[in-house]
Amino acid sequence: MKKLRSLYKLELHIDSKIHDVFHVSLFKPSHENKLVSTTLPFANSDGHFVPQPLAILARRMKKQNNKFVTKVLVQWIETNPGDAI
């Protein structure tokens, strides 16, 4: 990461399709000792994020339009279990 006056430019892979320059006002100090990912999430050819499932955390049956459907709680790759949807 390079500092350019009040901007930071990230050193990203040449094929990445995300913006690489951020203003310092967008950053917040962190006082946690978290593991930070060094890999970018998978994106399709349009540059849109494509979530990839890691695990099914729970499943349940729900009645919907007079039919029973299976609902699942999914943990996605590169996310915490608490962020599952």
Protein backbone atom coordinates (compact mmCIF):
# COMPACT_ATOMS: atom_id res chain seq x y z
CA MET A 1 0.00 0.00 0.00
CA LYS A 2 1.43 3.36 -1.01
CA LYS A 3 0.46 6.69 0.54
CA LEU A 4 -0.20 9.44 -2.00
CA ARG A 5 -0.88 12.65 -0.03
CA SER A 6 -4.28 11.91 1.56
CA LEU A 7 -4.89 8.85 -0.63
CA TYR A 8 -3.77 5.25 -0.35
CA LYS A 9 -3.17 3.09 -3.39
CA LEU A 10 -3.43 -0.66 -2.85
CA GLU A 11 -0.99 -2.96 -4.59
CA LEU A 12 -3.44 -5.34 -6.26
CA HIS A 13 -3.04 -8.11 -8.81
CA ILE A 14 -3.16 -6.76 -12.36
CA ASP A 15 -6.34 -8.77 -13.12
CA SER A 16 -8.27 -7.40 -10.13
CA LYS A 17 -11.35 -5.41 -11.02
CA ILE A 18 -11.77 -3.37 -7.84
CA HIS A 19 -10.87 0.25 -7.27
CA ASP A 20 -7.37 0.55 -5.85
CA VAL A 21 -7.29 4.14 -4.50
CA PHE A 22 -8.98 5.22 -1.24
CA HIS A 23 -9.09 8.49 0.68
CA VAL A 24 -7.72 8.38 4.24
CA SER A 25 -11.10 9.46 5.65
CA LEU A 26 -12.49 6.02 4.68
CA PHE A 27 -10.07 4.19 6.99
CA LYS A 28 -10.71 3.55 10.67
CA PRO A 29 -8.08 2.51 13.21
CA SER A 30 -8.25 -1.10 14.30
CA HIS A 31 -7.27 -2.21 17.76
CA GLU A 32 -7.95 -5.88 17.09
CA ASN A 33 -5.40 -8.49 16.16
CA LYS A 34 -7.36 -10.03 13.26
CA LEU A 35 -6.13 -12.26 10.49
CA VAL A 36 -6.49 -10.38 7.21
CA SER A 37 -7.04 -12.19 3.94
CA THR A 38 -4.47 -11.55 1.22
CA THR A 39 -6.61 -13.09 -1.53
CA LEU A 40 -9.41 -11.39 -3.43
CA PRO A 41 -12.84 -13.04 -3.66
CA PHE A 42 -13.74 -14.74 -6.93
CA ALA A 43 -15.32 -12.42 -9.51
CA ASN A 44 -16.89 -13.19 -12.88
CA SER A 45 -15.83 -11.61 -16.18
CA ASP A 46 -18.00 -8.54 -15.43
CA GLY A 47 -16.14 -7.98 -12.17
CA HIS A 48 -19.11 -8.95 -9.99
CA PHE A 49 -18.44 -10.83 -6.77
CA VAL A 50 -19.46 -14.49 -7.02
CA PRO A 51 -20.00 -15.94 -3.53
CA GLN A 52 -18.86 -19.52 -3.02
CA PRO A 53 -20.39 -21.69 -0.28
CA LEU A 54 -18.12 -23.15 2.39
CA ALA A 55 -20.59 -25.01 4.62
CA ILE A 56 -24.27 -25.53 5.35
CA LEU A 57 -24.66 -24.47 9.00
CA ALA A 58 -28.35 -25.29 9.42
CA ARG A 59 -31.41 -26.35 7.46
CA ARG A 60 -35.15 -26.25 8.10
CA MET A 61 -38.41 -26.96 6.33
CA LYS A 62 -40.82 -24.06 5.80
CA LYS A 63 -44.31 -23.99 4.33
CA GLN A 64 -44.48 -21.61 1.40
CA ASN A 65 -47.47 -21.37 -0.99
CA ASN A 66 -48.94 -24.63 0.35
CA LYS A 67 -45.65 -26.48 -0.30
CA PHE A 68 -42.80 -27.34 2.00
CA VAL A 69 -39.43 -25.96 0.92
CA THR A 70 -35.99 -26.47 2.42
CA LYS A 71 -34.24 -23.35 3.73
CA VAL A 72 -30.50 -23.48 4.46
CA LEU A 73 -28.11 -21.26 6.41
CA VAL A 74 -24.91 -20.95 4.36
CA GLN A 75 -21.45 -19.88 5.42
CA TRP A 76 -19.63 -18.43 2.44
CA ILE A 77 -15.89 -18.68 1.74
CA GLU A 78 -13.93 -15.74 3.20
CA THR A 79 -16.68 -14.95 5.79
CA ASN A 80 -17.27 -15.62 9.47
CA PRO A 81 -20.00 -18.04 10.59
CA GLY A 82 -21.81 -15.11 12.25
CA ASP A 83 -22.21 -13.47 8.83
CA ALA A 84 -24.03 -16.50 7.38
CA ILE A 85 -27.25 -15.87 5.43
